[in-house]
Amino acid sequence: MALSPLDIHNKEFSRSFRGYSEEEVNDFLDQVIKDFELLIKEKKKVEQENEELREKLSHFTNIEES
């Protein structure tokens, strides 16, 4: 199963004495979420464009065969 932006948002880390700065980790995860959401939107757009081009190709292939 692929990660979703919500999975990243809801991820919790255990705390340790000499661990990372919670604020820095949260800021980084926020940026990862934004970038991930952008990539998902771009992927959907490319998939839609790909489908439209396949339909056009099919249409013109049918015309060519006629």
N, C-alpha and C. Protein backbone atom coordinates (compact mmCIF):
# COMPACT_ATOMS: atom_id res chain seq x y z
N MET A 1 0.85 -1.18 0.00
CA MET A 1 0.00 0.00 0.00
C MET A 1 0.89 1.24 0.00
N ALA A 2 0.61 2.18 -0.87
CA ALA A 2 1.38 3.42 -0.98
C ALA A 2 0.98 4.39 0.13
N LEU A 3 1.91 5.24 0.48
CA LEU A 3 1.64 6.27 1.47
C LEU A 3 0.73 7.33 0.89
N SER A 4 -0.11 7.88 1.73
CA SER A 4 -0.93 9.02 1.34
C SER A 4 -0.48 10.22 2.16
N PRO A 5 -0.85 11.42 1.74
CA PRO A 5 -0.51 12.59 2.55
C PRO A 5 -1.06 12.48 3.98
N LEU A 6 -2.22 11.85 4.11
CA LEU A 6 -2.81 11.67 5.44
C LEU A 6 -1.96 10.72 6.29
N ASP A 7 -1.41 9.67 5.67
CA ASP A 7 -0.51 8.76 6.40
C ASP A 7 0.70 9.52 6.94
N ILE A 8 1.25 10.38 6.11
CA ILE A 8 2.41 11.17 6.53
C ILE A 8 2.01 12.12 7.67
N HIS A 9 0.87 12.74 7.51
CA HIS A 9 0.40 13.68 8.53
C HIS A 9 0.17 12.99 9.87
N ASN A 10 -0.37 11.80 9.84
CA ASN A 10 -0.72 11.09 11.08
C ASN A 10 0.43 10.29 11.68
N LYS A 11 1.57 10.23 11.01
CA LYS A 11 2.71 9.47 11.52
C LYS A 11 3.21 10.07 12.83
N GLU A 12 3.38 9.22 13.83
CA GLU A 12 3.90 9.66 15.11
C GLU A 12 5.19 8.94 15.38
N PHE A 13 6.13 9.66 15.96
CA PHE A 13 7.43 9.12 16.29
C PHE A 13 7.58 9.05 17.80
N SER A 14 8.33 8.06 18.25
CA SER A 14 8.57 7.97 19.69
C SER A 14 9.58 9.04 20.09
N ARG A 15 9.56 9.41 21.33
CA ARG A 15 10.47 10.44 21.84
C ARG A 15 11.64 9.78 22.55
N SER A 16 12.77 10.41 22.43
CA SER A 16 13.94 9.93 23.15
C SER A 16 14.69 11.12 23.73
N PHE A 17 15.55 10.85 24.64
CA PHE A 17 16.26 11.92 25.35
C PHE A 17 17.06 12.80 24.40
N ARG A 18 17.81 12.22 23.50
CA ARG A 18 18.63 13.00 22.60
C ARG A 18 18.11 12.89 21.17
N GLY A 19 16.81 12.93 21.02
CA GLY A 19 16.18 12.77 19.71
C GLY A 19 16.22 14.05 18.89
N TYR A 20 15.52 14.01 17.78
CA TYR A 20 15.44 15.15 16.88
C TYR A 20 14.52 16.22 17.45
N SER A 21 14.67 17.44 16.94
CA SER A 21 13.80 18.54 17.32
C SER A 21 12.40 18.25 16.75
N GLU A 22 11.43 18.22 17.63
CA GLU A 22 10.05 17.94 17.21
C GLU A 22 9.57 18.97 16.20
N GLU A 23 9.91 20.22 16.42
CA GLU A 23 9.48 21.29 15.51
C GLU A 23 10.10 21.11 14.12
N GLU A 24 11.37 20.77 14.06
CA GLU A 24 12.02 20.55 12.77
C GLU A 24 11.41 19.37 12.03
N VAL A 25 11.14 18.30 12.75
CA VAL A 25 10.54 17.11 12.13
C VAL A 25 9.15 17.47 11.60
N ASN A 26 8.36 18.18 12.40
CA ASN A 26 7.02 18.55 11.96
C ASN A 26 7.05 19.48 10.76
N ASP A 27 7.98 20.43 10.74
CA ASP A 27 8.11 21.33 9.59
C ASP A 27 8.49 20.55 8.33
N PHE A 28 9.40 19.61 8.49
CA PHE A 28 9.81 18.79 7.35
C PHE A 28 8.66 17.94 6.85
N LEU A 29 7.93 17.31 7.76
CA LEU A 29 6.79 16.49 7.35
C LEU A 29 5.72 17.32 6.67
N ASP A 30 5.51 18.55 7.12
CA ASP A 30 4.55 19.45 6.45
C ASP A 30 4.97 19.70 5.01
N GLN A 31 6.27 19.93 4.79
CA GLN A 31 6.77 20.15 3.44
C GLN A 31 6.64 18.89 2.59
N VAL A 32 6.92 17.74 3.18
CA VAL A 32 6.78 16.47 2.46
C VAL A 32 5.32 16.27 2.04
N ILE A 33 4.40 16.57 2.93
CA ILE A 33 2.98 16.42 2.63
C ILE A 33 2.59 17.32 1.45
N LYS A 34 3.02 18.58 1.47
CA LYS A 34 2.69 19.50 0.38
C LYS A 34 3.25 19.02 -0.95
N ASP A 35 4.52 18.60 -0.92
CA ASP A 35 5.15 18.12 -2.16
C ASP A 35 4.48 16.84 -2.65
N PHE A 36 4.13 15.96 -1.74
CA PHE A 36 3.48 14.70 -2.10
C PHE A 36 2.11 14.96 -2.71
N GLU A 37 1.35 15.86 -2.13
CA GLU A 37 0.04 16.21 -2.69
C GLU A 37 0.19 16.78 -4.09
N LEU A 38 1.20 17.63 -4.30
CA LEU A 38 1.45 18.21 -5.62
C LEU A 38 1.77 17.11 -6.63
N LEU A 39 2.60 16.17 -6.24
CA LEU A 39 2.95 15.06 -7.14
C LEU A 39 1.73 14.20 -7.49
N ILE A 40 0.87 13.97 -6.52
CA ILE A 40 -0.34 13.19 -6.78
C ILE A 40 -1.22 13.92 -7.79
N LYS A 41 -1.38 15.23 -7.63
CA LYS A 41 -2.19 16.03 -8.57
C LYS A 41 -1.58 16.00 -9.97
N GLU A 42 -0.25 16.16 -10.04
CA GLU A 42 0.42 16.13 -11.34
C GLU A 42 0.27 14.76 -12.00
N LYS A 43 0.38 13.71 -11.22
CA LYS A 43 0.24 12.35 -11.75
C LYS A 43 -1.16 12.14 -12.33
N LYS A 44 -2.18 12.59 -11.60
CA LYS A 44 -3.55 12.46 -12.10
C LYS A 44 -3.74 13.23 -13.40
N LYS A 45 -3.15 14.43 -13.47
CA LYS A 45 -3.26 15.24 -14.68
C LYS A 45 -2.59 14.54 -15.86
N VAL A 46 -1.40 14.00 -15.64
CA VAL A 46 -0.68 13.30 -16.71
C VAL A 46 -1.45 12.06 -17.14
N GLU A 47 -2.02 11.33 -16.19
CA GLU A 47 -2.81 10.15 -16.55
C GLU A 47 -4.03 10.53 -17.39
N GLN A 48 -4.67 11.63 -17.03
CA GLN A 48 -5.83 12.10 -17.79
C GLN A 48 -5.41 12.51 -19.20
N GLU A 49 -4.31 13.25 -19.31
CA GLU A 49 -3.82 13.65 -20.64
C GLU A 49 -3.44 12.42 -21.47
N ASN A 50 -2.84 11.46 -20.83
CA ASN A 50 -2.46 10.23 -21.51
C ASN A 50 -3.70 9.51 -22.07
N GLU A 51 -4.73 9.44 -21.26
CA GLU A 51 -5.96 8.78 -21.71
C GLU A 51 -6.59 9.54 -22.88
N GLU A 52 -6.59 10.86 -22.82
CA GLU A 52 -7.15 11.66 -23.91
C GLU A 52 -6.36 11.44 -25.20
N LEU A 53 -5.04 11.40 -25.08
CA LEU A 53 -4.21 11.18 -26.27
C LEU A 53 -4.40 9.77 -26.84
N ARG A 54 -4.59 8.79 -25.98
CA ARG A 54 -4.86 7.43 -26.45
C ARG A 54 -6.18 7.37 -27.23
N GLU A 55 -7.18 8.10 -26.72
CA GLU A 55 -8.47 8.14 -27.40
C GLU A 55 -8.34 8.80 -28.77
N LYS A 56 -7.58 9.90 -28.84
CA LYS A 56 -7.37 10.57 -30.12
C LYS A 56 -6.62 9.67 -31.08
N LEU A 57 -5.60 8.99 -30.59
CA LEU A 57 -4.82 8.08 -31.42
C LEU A 57 -5.72 6.97 -31.97
N SER A 58 -6.55 6.43 -31.11
CA SER A 58 -7.47 5.39 -31.53
C SER A 58 -8.41 5.90 -32.62
N HIS A 59 -8.92 7.11 -32.42
CA HIS A 59 -9.83 7.72 -33.39
C HIS A 59 -9.15 7.88 -34.75
N PHE A 60 -7.93 8.44 -34.75
CA PHE A 60 -7.24 8.66 -36.01
C PHE A 60 -6.77 7.35 -36.64
N THR A 61 -6.49 6.36 -35.82
CA THR A 61 -6.12 5.04 -36.36
C THR A 61 -7.33 4.44 -37.07
N ASN A 62 -8.50 4.58 -36.50
CA ASN A 62 -9.72 4.09 -37.12
C ASN A 62 -10.00 4.81 -38.44
N ILE A 63 -9.79 6.13 -38.46
CA ILE A 63 -9.99 6.90 -39.68
C ILE A 63 -9.00 6.43 -40.76
N GLU A 64 -7.76 6.22 -40.36
CA GLU A 64 -6.72 5.79 -41.30
C GLU A 64 -7.04 4.43 -41.90
N GLU A 65 -7.60 3.56 -41.09
CA GLU A 65 -7.92 2.21 -41.56
C GLU A 65 -9.15 2.20 -42.49
N SER A 66 -9.96 3.24 -42.40
CA SER A 66 -11.19 3.29 -43.20
C SER A 66 -10.91 3.54 -44.67
